Amino acid sequence: MNTAEVKEFINQQKFLFWYIPEDKKQDISNEFLVETILNYGDIKAVKQLIKILGINEVAKLFYSLVNNSSRKKGNLHELTINFFTLFFNKYAS
């Protein structure tokens, strides 16, 4: 279950989740939220995501996506993987 802050963030970014029915958007997983924001969000959305979830949690979810399976890794753009691998290696502990 998402917190009110996460639900508000999803609502602000709902244009990125256009294909998800309105009644399901508030219940998307943090893993899917991280995947979508890192792939398609702007820098403001990325900063807000990190502020809400914390950089270590976002990094953990990102690495989970990259390392779990080739299918999930395939959902992230190659440039996204490269940039955020460098970013989280430097700024997340």
PDB file of N, CA and C in Angstrom:
ATOM      1  N   MET A   1       0.847  -1.183   0.000  1.00  0.00           N
ATOM      2  CA  MET A   1       0.000   0.000   0.000  1.00  0.00           C
ATOM      3  C   MET A   1       0.894   1.248   0.000  1.00  0.00           C
ATOM      4  N   ASN A   2       0.632   2.147  -0.903  1.00  0.00           N
ATOM      5  CA  ASN A   2       1.439   3.359  -1.018  1.00  0.00           C
ATOM      6  C   ASN A   2       1.025   4.414  -0.005  1.00  0.00           C
ATOM      7  N   THR A   3       2.000   5.199   0.424  1.00  0.00           N
ATOM      8  CA  THR A   3       1.722   6.298   1.345  1.00  0.00           C
ATOM      9  C   THR A   3       0.992   7.409   0.596  1.00  0.00           C
ATOM     10  N   ALA A   4       0.435   8.343   1.344  1.00  0.00           N
ATOM     11  CA  ALA A   4      -0.262   9.477   0.732  1.00  0.00           C
ATOM     12  C   ALA A   4       0.692  10.294  -0.133  1.00  0.00           C
ATOM     13  N   GLU A   5       1.942  10.427   0.305  1.00  0.00           N
ATOM     14  CA  GLU A   5       2.932  11.194  -0.449  1.00  0.00           C
ATOM     15  C   GLU A   5       3.245  10.521  -1.792  1.00  0.00           C
ATOM     16  N   VAL A   6       3.361   9.198  -1.781  1.00  0.00           N
ATOM     17  CA  VAL A   6       3.625   8.460  -3.020  1.00  0.00           C
ATOM     18  C   VAL A   6       2.412   8.559  -3.942  1.00  0.00           C
ATOM     19  N   LYS A   7       1.217   8.445  -3.381  1.00  0.00           N
ATOM     20  CA  LYS A   7       0.003   8.552  -4.191  1.00  0.00           C
ATOM     21  C   LYS A   7      -0.111   9.929  -4.839  1.00  0.00           C
ATOM     22  N   GLU A   8       0.216  10.969  -4.106  1.00  0.00           N
ATOM     23  CA  GLU A   8       0.184  12.321  -4.656  1.00  0.00           C
ATOM     24  C   GLU A   8       1.215  12.464  -5.775  1.00  0.00           C
ATOM     25  N   PHE A   9       2.400  11.894  -5.584  1.00  0.00           N
ATOM     26  CA  PHE A   9       3.444  11.930  -6.611  1.00  0.00           C
ATOM     27  C   PHE A   9       2.976  11.199  -7.867  1.00  0.00           C
ATOM     28  N   ILE A  10       2.367  10.035  -7.702  1.00  0.00           N
ATOM     29  CA  ILE A  10       1.839   9.282  -8.848  1.00  0.00           C
ATOM     30  C   ILE A  10       0.796  10.123  -9.569  1.00  0.00           C
ATOM     31  N   ASN A  11      -0.059  10.788  -8.814  1.00  0.00           N
ATOM     32  CA  ASN A  11      -1.093  11.639  -9.410  1.00  0.00           C
ATOM     33  C   ASN A  11      -0.465  12.786 -10.216  1.00  0.00           C
ATOM     34  N   GLN A  12       0.618  13.361  -9.690  1.00  0.00           N
ATOM     35  CA  GLN A  12       1.305  14.442 -10.407  1.00  0.00           C
ATOM     36  C   GLN A  12       1.949  13.950 -11.703  1.00  0.00           C
ATOM     37  N   GLN A  13       2.342  12.695 -11.718  1.00  0.00           N
ATOM     38  CA  GLN A  13       3.027  12.109 -12.881  1.00  0.00           C
ATOM     39  C   GLN A  13       2.118  11.167 -13.672  1.00  0.00           C
ATOM     40  N   LYS A  14       0.809  11.277 -13.497  1.00  0.00           N
ATOM     41  CA  LYS A  14      -0.120  10.295 -14.070  1.00  0.00           C
ATOM     42  C   LYS A  14      -0.049  10.193 -15.591  1.00  0.00           C
ATOM     43  N   PHE A  15       0.432  11.235 -16.256  1.00  0.00           N
ATOM     44  CA  PHE A  15       0.574  11.172 -17.715  1.00  0.00           C
ATOM     45  C   PHE A  15       1.583  10.105 -18.140  1.00  0.00           C
ATOM     46  N   LEU A  16       2.495   9.734 -17.250  1.00  0.00           N
ATOM     47  CA  LEU A  16       3.456   8.671 -17.560  1.00  0.00           C
ATOM     48  C   LEU A  16       2.821   7.285 -17.432  1.00  0.00           C
ATOM     49  N   PHE A  17       1.683   7.213 -16.765  1.00  0.00           N
ATOM     50  CA  PHE A  17       0.991   5.940 -16.533  1.00  0.00           C
ATOM     51  C   PHE A  17      -0.347   5.917 -17.275  1.00  0.00           C
ATOM     52  N   TRP A  18      -0.374   6.498 -18.461  1.00  0.00           N
ATOM     53  CA  TRP A  18      -1.597   6.658 -19.237  1.00  0.00           C
ATOM     54  C   TRP A  18      -2.300   5.339 -19.528  1.00  0.00           C
ATOM     55  N   TYR A  19      -1.566   4.248 -19.605  1.00  0.00           N
ATOM     56  CA  TYR A  19      -2.117   2.954 -19.993  1.00  0.00           C
ATOM     57  C   TYR A  19      -2.636   2.143 -18.805  1.00  0.00           C
ATOM     58  N   ILE A  20      -2.485   2.674 -17.608  1.00  0.00           N
ATOM     59  CA  ILE A  20      -2.974   1.988 -16.410  1.00  0.00           C
ATOM     60  C   ILE A  20      -4.337   2.586 -16.057  1.00  0.00           C
ATOM     61  N   PRO A  21      -5.324   1.736 -15.793  1.00  0.00           N
ATOM     62  CA  PRO A  21      -6.651   2.271 -15.427  1.00  0.00           C
ATOM     63  C   PRO A  21      -6.550   3.187 -14.205  1.00  0.00           C
ATOM     64  N   GLU A  22      -7.383   4.226 -14.189  1.00  0.00           N
ATOM     65  CA  GLU A  22      -7.351   5.228 -13.129  1.00  0.00           C
ATOM     66  C   GLU A  22      -7.448   4.607 -11.740  1.00  0.00           C
ATOM     67  N   ASP A  23      -8.291   3.603 -11.577  1.00  0.00           N
ATOM     68  CA  ASP A  23      -8.487   3.009 -10.251  1.00  0.00           C
ATOM     69  C   ASP A  23      -7.311   2.128  -9.812  1.00  0.00           C
ATOM     70  N   LYS A  24      -6.364   1.875 -10.685  1.00  0.00           N
ATOM     71  CA  LYS A  24      -5.194   1.042 -10.363  1.00  0.00           C
ATOM     72  C   LYS A  24      -3.910   1.849 -10.181  1.00  0.00           C
ATOM     73  N   LYS A  25      -3.904   3.102 -10.626  1.00  0.00           N
ATOM     74  CA  LYS A  25      -2.677   3.907 -10.607  1.00  0.00           C
ATOM     75  C   LYS A  25      -2.119   4.101  -9.202  1.00  0.00           C
ATOM     76  N   GLN A  26      -2.959   4.311  -8.236  1.00  0.00           N
ATOM     77  CA  GLN A  26      -2.498   4.589  -6.874  1.00  0.00           C
ATOM     78  C   GLN A  26      -1.839   3.371  -6.214  1.00  0.00           C
ATOM     79  N   ASP A  27      -2.021   2.197  -6.803  1.00  0.00           N
ATOM     80  CA  ASP A  27      -1.512   0.972  -6.201  1.00  0.00           C
ATOM     81  C   ASP A  27      -0.310   0.373  -6.927  1.00  0.00           C
ATOM     82  N   ILE A  28       0.309   1.137  -7.829  1.00  0.00           N
ATOM     83  CA  ILE A  28       1.471   0.573  -8.521  1.00  0.00           C
ATOM     84  C   ILE A  28       2.613   0.374  -7.516  1.00  0.00           C
ATOM     85  N   SER A  29       3.460  -0.586  -7.811  1.00  0.00           N
ATOM     86  CA  SER A  29       4.562  -0.892  -6.894  1.00  0.00           C
ATOM     87  C   SER A  29       5.654   0.166  -6.975  1.00  0.00           C
ATOM     88  N   ASN A  30       6.435   0.258  -5.928  1.00  0.00           N
ATOM     89  CA  ASN A  30       7.572   1.187  -5.934  1.00  0.00           C
ATOM     90  C   ASN A  30       8.572   0.813  -7.014  1.00  0.00           C
ATOM     91  N   GLU A  31       8.738  -0.485  -7.264  1.00  0.00           N
ATOM     92  CA  GLU A  31       9.659  -0.940  -8.302  1.00  0.00           C
ATOM     93  C   GLU A  31       9.218  -0.410  -9.670  1.00  0.00           C
ATOM     94  N   PHE A  32       7.933  -0.512  -9.957  1.00  0.00           N
ATOM     95  CA  PHE A  32       7.414  -0.013 -11.230  1.00  0.00           C
ATOM     96  C   PHE A  32       7.493   1.508 -11.294  1.00  0.00           C
ATOM     97  N   LEU A  33       7.256   2.164 -10.182  1.00  0.00           N
ATOM     98  CA  LEU A  33       7.353   3.615 -10.110  1.00  0.00           C
ATOM     99  C   LEU A  33       8.776   4.071 -10.430  1.00  0.00           C
ATOM    100  N   VAL A  34       9.758   3.422  -9.822  1.00  0.00           N
ATOM    101  CA  VAL A  34      11.166   3.756 -10.070  1.00  0.00           C
ATOM    102  C   VAL A  34      11.510   3.512 -11.537  1.00  0.00           C
ATOM    103  N   GLU A  35      11.112   2.372 -12.065  1.00  0.00           N
ATOM    104  CA  GLU A  35      11.391   2.055 -13.465  1.00  0.00           C
ATOM    105  C   GLU A  35      10.834   3.129 -14.397  1.00  0.00           C
ATOM    106  N   THR A  36       9.601   3.523 -14.189  1.00  0.00           N
ATOM    107  CA  THR A  36       8.952   4.496 -15.062  1.00  0.00           C
ATOM    108  C   THR A  36       9.554   5.887 -14.929  1.00  0.00           C
ATOM    109  N   ILE A  37       9.777   6.328 -13.706  1.00  0.00           N
ATOM    110  CA  ILE A  37      10.314   7.681 -13.500  1.00  0.00           C
ATOM    111  C   ILE A  37      11.742   7.779 -14.032  1.00  0.00           C
ATOM    112  N   LEU A  38      12.582   6.777 -13.770  1.00  0.00           N
ATOM    113  CA  LEU A  38      13.959   6.841 -14.259  1.00  0.00           C
ATOM    114  C   LEU A  38      14.015   6.772 -15.782  1.00  0.00           C
ATOM    115  N   ASN A  39      13.113   6.019 -16.388  1.00  0.00           N
ATOM    116  CA  ASN A  39      13.084   5.903 -17.846  1.00  0.00           C
ATOM    117  C   ASN A  39      12.491   7.123 -18.532  1.00  0.00           C
ATOM    118  N   TYR A  40      11.379   7.623 -18.012  1.00  0.00           N
ATOM    119  CA  TYR A  40      10.593   8.610 -18.755  1.00  0.00           C
ATOM    120  C   TYR A  40      10.382   9.945 -18.044  1.00  0.00           C
ATOM    121  N   GLY A  41      10.694  10.011 -16.762  1.00  0.00           N
ATOM    122  CA  GLY A  41      10.480  11.247 -16.017  1.00  0.00           C
ATOM    123  C   GLY A  41      11.552  12.285 -16.300  1.00  0.00           C
ATOM    124  N   ASP A  42      11.235  13.521 -15.979  1.00  0.00           N
ATOM    125  CA  ASP A  42      12.232  14.578 -16.110  1.00  0.00           C
ATOM    126  C   ASP A  42      13.046  14.664 -14.810  1.00  0.00           C
ATOM    127  N   ILE A  43      14.033  15.543 -14.798  1.00  0.00           N
ATOM    128  CA  ILE A  43      14.931  15.634 -13.645  1.00  0.00           C
ATOM    129  C   ILE A  43      14.171  16.043 -12.384  1.00  0.00           C
ATOM    130  N   LYS A  44      13.156  16.871 -12.540  1.00  0.00           N
ATOM    131  CA  LYS A  44      12.343  17.280 -11.394  1.00  0.00           C
ATOM    132  C   LYS A  44      11.635  16.068 -10.779  1.00  0.00           C
ATOM    133  N   ALA A  45      11.102  15.196 -11.622  1.00  0.00           N
ATOM    134  CA  ALA A  45      10.418  13.991 -11.134  1.00  0.00           C
ATOM    135  C   ALA A  45      11.406  13.049 -10.451  1.00  0.00           C
ATOM    136  N   VAL A  46      12.605  12.913 -11.013  1.00  0.00           N
ATOM    137  CA  VAL A  46      13.626  12.053 -10.404  1.00  0.00           C
ATOM    138  C   VAL A  46      14.019  12.584  -9.028  1.00  0.00           C
ATOM    139  N   LYS A  47      14.224  13.893  -8.928  1.00  0.00           N
ATOM    140  CA  LYS A  47      14.572  14.494  -7.632  1.00  0.00           C
ATOM    141  C   LYS A  47      13.467  14.281  -6.606  1.00  0.00           C
ATOM    142  N   GLN A  48      12.232  14.451  -7.046  1.00  0.00           N
ATOM    143  CA  GLN A  48      11.106  14.279  -6.125  1.00  0.00           C
ATOM    144  C   GLN A  48      10.982  12.820  -5.696  1.00  0.00           C
ATOM    145  N   LEU A  49      11.190  11.895  -6.605  1.00  0.00           N
ATOM    146  CA  LEU A  49      11.153  10.471  -6.273  1.00  0.00           C
ATOM    147  C   LEU A  49      12.204  10.146  -5.224  1.00  0.00           C
ATOM    148  N   ILE A  50      13.411  10.657  -5.407  1.00  0.00           N
ATOM    149  CA  ILE A  50      14.493  10.421  -4.450  1.00  0.00           C
ATOM    150  C   ILE A  50      14.161  11.060  -3.099  1.00  0.00           C
ATOM    151  N   LYS A  51      13.550  12.218  -3.124  1.00  0.00           N
ATOM    152  CA  LYS A  51      13.160  12.884  -1.877  1.00  0.00           C
ATOM    153  C   LYS A  51      12.109  12.058  -1.124  1.00  0.00           C
ATOM    154  N   ILE A  52      11.165  11.487  -1.846  1.00  0.00           N
ATOM    155  CA  ILE A  52      10.080  10.730  -1.217  1.00  0.00           C
ATOM    156  C   ILE A  52      10.559   9.372  -0.710  1.00  0.00           C
ATOM    157  N   LEU A  53      11.239   8.614  -1.556  1.00  0.00           N
ATOM    158  CA  LEU A  53      11.636   7.250  -1.193  1.00  0.00           C
ATOM    159  C   LEU A  53      13.014   7.173  -0.544  1.00  0.00           C
ATOM    160  N   GLY A  54      13.853   8.155  -0.785  1.00  0.00           N
ATOM    161  CA  GLY A  54      15.227   8.117  -0.302  1.00  0.00           C
ATOM    162  C   GLY A  54      16.135   7.536  -1.364  1.00  0.00           C
ATOM    163  N   ILE A  55      17.330   8.076  -1.455  1.00  0.00           N
ATOM    164  CA  ILE A  55      18.242   7.666  -2.523  1.00  0.00           C
ATOM    165  C   ILE A  55      18.645   6.196  -2.405  1.00  0.00           C
ATOM    166  N   ASN A  56      18.816   5.713  -1.190  1.00  0.00           N
ATOM    167  CA  ASN A  56      19.224   4.317  -1.020  1.00  0.00           C
ATOM    168  C   ASN A  56      18.116   3.351  -1.440  1.00  0.00           C
ATOM    169  N   GLU A  57      16.870   3.697  -1.162  1.00  0.00           N
ATOM    170  CA  GLU A  57      15.746   2.848  -1.578  1.00  0.00           C
ATOM    171  C   GLU A  57      15.585   2.864  -3.094  1.00  0.00           C
ATOM    172  N   VAL A  58      15.700   4.032  -3.703  1.00  0.00           N
ATOM    173  CA  VAL A  58      15.603   4.124  -5.165  1.00  0.00           C
ATOM    174  C   VAL A  58      16.743   3.326  -5.804  1.00  0.00           C
ATOM    175  N   ALA A  59      17.946   3.446  -5.261  1.00  0.00           N
ATOM    176  CA  ALA A  59      19.094   2.691  -5.779  1.00  0.00           C
ATOM    177  C   ALA A  59      18.859   1.191  -5.633  1.00  0.00           C
ATOM    178  N   LYS A  60      18.350   0.773  -4.483  1.00  0.00           N
ATOM    179  CA  LYS A  60      18.079  -0.656  -4.247  1.00  0.00           C
ATOM    180  C   LYS A  60      17.075  -1.187  -5.266  1.00  0.00           C
ATOM    181  N   LEU A  61      16.000  -0.429  -5.503  1.00  0.00           N
ATOM    182  CA  LEU A  61      14.991  -0.851  -6.471  1.00  0.00           C
ATOM    183  C   LEU A  61      15.548  -0.848  -7.890  1.00  0.00           C
ATOM    184  N   PHE A  62      16.365   0.138  -8.213  1.00  0.00           N
ATOM    185  CA  PHE A  62      17.002   0.206  -9.527  1.00  0.00           C
ATOM    186  C   PHE A  62      17.895  -1.010  -9.752  1.00  0.00           C
ATOM    187  N   TYR A  63      18.755  -1.310  -8.787  1.00  0.00           N
ATOM    188  CA  TYR A  63      19.653  -2.465  -8.939  1.00  0.00           C
ATOM    189  C   TYR A  63      18.879  -3.773  -8.972  1.00  0.00           C
ATOM    190  N   SER A  64      17.761  -3.832  -8.281  1.00  0.00           N
ATOM    191  CA  SER A  64      16.905  -5.008  -8.340  1.00  0.00           C
ATOM    192  C   SER A  64      16.377  -5.207  -9.759  1.00  0.00           C
ATOM    193  N   LEU A  65      15.975  -4.111 -10.394  1.00  0.00           N
ATOM    194  CA  LEU A  65      15.510  -4.191 -11.778  1.00  0.00           C
ATOM    195  C   LEU A  65      16.620  -4.635 -12.719  1.00  0.00           C
ATOM    196  N   VAL A  66      17.793  -4.087 -12.530  1.00  0.00           N
ATOM    197  CA  VAL A  66      18.914  -4.372 -13.427  1.00  0.00           C
ATOM    198  C   VAL A  66      19.439  -5.796 -13.237  1.00  0.00           C
ATOM    199  N   ASN A  67      19.483  -6.262 -11.998  1.00  0.00           N
ATOM    200  CA  ASN A  67      20.122  -7.543 -11.710  1.00  0.00           C
ATOM    201  C   ASN A  67      19.189  -8.740 -11.655  1.00  0.00           C
ATOM    202  N   ASN A  68      17.881  -8.519 -11.542  1.00  0.00           N
ATOM    203  CA  ASN A  68      16.960  -9.639 -11.354  1.00  0.00           C
ATOM    204  C   ASN A  68      16.795 -10.514 -12.579  1.00  0.00           C
ATOM    205  N   SER A  69      16.394  -9.940 -13.686  1.00  0.00           N
ATOM    206  CA  SER A  69      16.135 -10.752 -14.872  1.00  0.00           C
ATOM    207  C   SER A  69      16.368  -9.921 -16.125  1.00  0.00           C
ATOM    208  N   SER A  70      16.613 -10.620 -17.204  1.00  0.00           N
ATOM    209  CA  SER A  70      16.829  -9.899 -18.458  1.00  0.00           C
ATOM    210  C   SER A  70      15.544  -9.222 -18.922  1.00  0.00           C
ATOM    211  N   ARG A  71      14.377  -9.764 -18.585  1.00  0.00           N
ATOM    212  CA  ARG A  71      13.113  -9.144 -18.969  1.00  0.00           C
ATOM    213  C   ARG A  71      12.949  -7.792 -18.286  1.00  0.00           C
ATOM    214  N   LYS A  72      13.168  -7.766 -16.967  1.00  0.00           N
ATOM    215  CA  LYS A  72      13.035  -6.507 -16.240  1.00  0.00           C
ATOM    216  C   LYS A  72      14.119  -5.524 -16.665  1.00  0.00           C
ATOM    217  N   LYS A  73      15.320  -6.023 -16.844  1.00  0.00           N
ATOM    218  CA  LYS A  73      16.410  -5.145 -17.297  1.00  0.00           C
ATOM    219  C   LYS A  73      16.066  -4.566 -18.665  1.00  0.00           C
ATOM    220  N   GLY A  74      15.405  -5.366 -19.499  1.00  0.00           N
ATOM    221  CA  GLY A  74      15.008  -4.915 -20.832  1.00  0.00           C
ATOM    222  C   GLY A  74      14.003  -3.781 -20.816  1.00  0.00           C
ATOM    223  N   ASN A  75      13.341  -3.574 -19.675  1.00  0.00           N
ATOM    224  CA  ASN A  75      12.383  -2.480 -19.563  1.00  0.00           C
ATOM    225  C   ASN A  75      13.069  -1.141 -19.367  1.00  0.00           C
ATOM    226  N   LEU A  76      14.328  -1.150 -19.000  1.00  0.00           N
ATOM    227  CA  LEU A  76      15.083   0.089 -18.804  1.00  0.00           C
ATOM    228  C   LEU A  76      15.911   0.377 -20.060  1.00  0.00           C
ATOM    229  N   HIS A  77      15.937   1.634 -20.456  1.00  0.00           N
ATOM    230  CA  HIS A  77      16.766   2.022 -21.597  1.00  0.00           C
ATOM    231  C   HIS A  77      18.245   1.846 -21.241  1.00  0.00           C
ATOM    232  N   GLU A  78      19.036   1.509 -22.226  1.00  0.00           N
ATOM    233  CA  GLU A  78      20.468   1.299 -22.015  1.00  0.00           C
ATOM    234  C   GLU A  78      21.143   2.548 -21.433  1.00  0.00           C
ATOM    235  N   LEU A  79      20.793   3.707 -21.946  1.00  0.00           N
ATOM    236  CA  LEU A  79      21.369   4.948 -21.417  1.00  0.00           C
ATOM    237  C   LEU A  79      20.919   5.211 -19.976  1.00  0.00           C
ATOM    238  N   THR A  80      19.693   4.839 -19.656  1.00  0.00           N
ATOM    239  CA  THR A  80      19.181   4.986 -18.290  1.00  0.00           C
ATOM    240  C   THR A  80      19.983   4.109 -17.342  1.00  0.00           C
ATOM    241  N   ILE A  81      20.224   2.877 -17.740  1.00  0.00           N
ATOM    242  CA  ILE A  81      21.003   1.950 -16.909  1.00  0.00           C
ATOM    243  C   ILE A  81      22.399   2.512 -16.688  1.00  0.00           C
ATOM    244  N   ASN A  82      23.034   2.966 -17.750  1.00  0.00           N
ATOM    245  CA  ASN A  82      24.392   3.493 -17.634  1.00  0.00           C
ATOM    246  C   ASN A  82      24.439   4.714 -16.723  1.00  0.00           C
ATOM    247  N   PHE A  83      23.570   5.690 -16.969  1.00  0.00           N
ATOM    248  CA  PHE A  83      23.591   6.926 -16.182  1.00  0.00           C
ATOM    249  C   PHE A  83      23.320   6.653 -14.708  1.00  0.00           C
ATOM    250  N   PHE A  84      22.259   5.918 -14.413  1.00  0.00           N
ATOM    251  CA  PHE A  84      21.895   5.728 -13.013  1.00  0.00           C
ATOM    252  C   PHE A  84      22.809   4.740 -12.286  1.00  0.00           C
ATOM    253  N   THR A  85      23.474   3.857 -13.009  1.00  0.00           N
ATOM    254  CA  THR A  85      24.505   3.026 -12.370  1.00  0.00           C
ATOM    255  C   THR A  85      25.631   3.923 -11.882  1.00  0.00           C
ATOM    256  N   LEU A  86      26.094   4.832 -12.721  1.00  0.00           N
ATOM    257  CA  LEU A  86      27.141   5.773 -12.316  1.00  0.00           C
ATOM    258  C   LEU A  86      26.662   6.689 -11.187  1.00  0.00           C
ATOM    259  N   PHE A  87      25.440   7.184 -11.307  1.00  0.00           N
ATOM    260  CA  PHE A  87      24.863   8.095 -10.325  1.00  0.00           C
ATOM    261  C   PHE A  87      24.755   7.431  -8.945  1.00  0.00           C
ATOM    262  N   PHE A  88      24.164   6.239  -8.914  1.00  0.00           N
ATOM    263  CA  PHE A  88      23.962   5.571  -7.619  1.00  0.00           C
ATOM    264  C   PHE A  88      25.277   5.048  -7.042  1.00  0.00           C
ATOM    265  N   ASN A  89      26.210   4.662  -7.903  1.00  0.00           N
ATOM    266  CA  ASN A  89      27.530   4.253  -7.386  1.00  0.00           C
ATOM    267  C   ASN A  89      28.208   5.413  -6.673  1.00  0.00           C
ATOM    268  N   LYS A  90      27.977   6.623  -7.135  1.00  0.00           N
ATOM    269  CA  LYS A  90      28.612   7.789  -6.524  1.00  0.00           C
ATOM    270  C   LYS A  90      27.849   8.304  -5.307  1.00  0.00           C
ATOM    271  N   TYR A  91      26.503   8.355  -5.370  1.00  0.00           N
ATOM    272  CA  TYR A  91      25.750   9.060  -4.341  1.00  0.00           C
ATOM    273  C   TYR A  91      24.984   8.171  -3.354  1.00  0.00           C
ATOM    274  N   ALA A  92      24.741   6.927  -3.681  1.00  0.00           N
ATOM    275  CA  ALA A  92      24.028   6.040  -2.752  1.00  0.00           C
ATOM    276  C   ALA A  92      25.033   5.188  -2.003  1.00  0.00           C
ATOM    277  N   SER A  93      24.694   4.864  -0.770  1.00  0.00           N
ATOM    278  CA  SER A  93      25.636   4.038   0.000  1.00  0.00           C
ATOM    279  C   SER A  93      25.249   2.589   0.016  1.00  0.00           C
TER     280      SER A  93
END
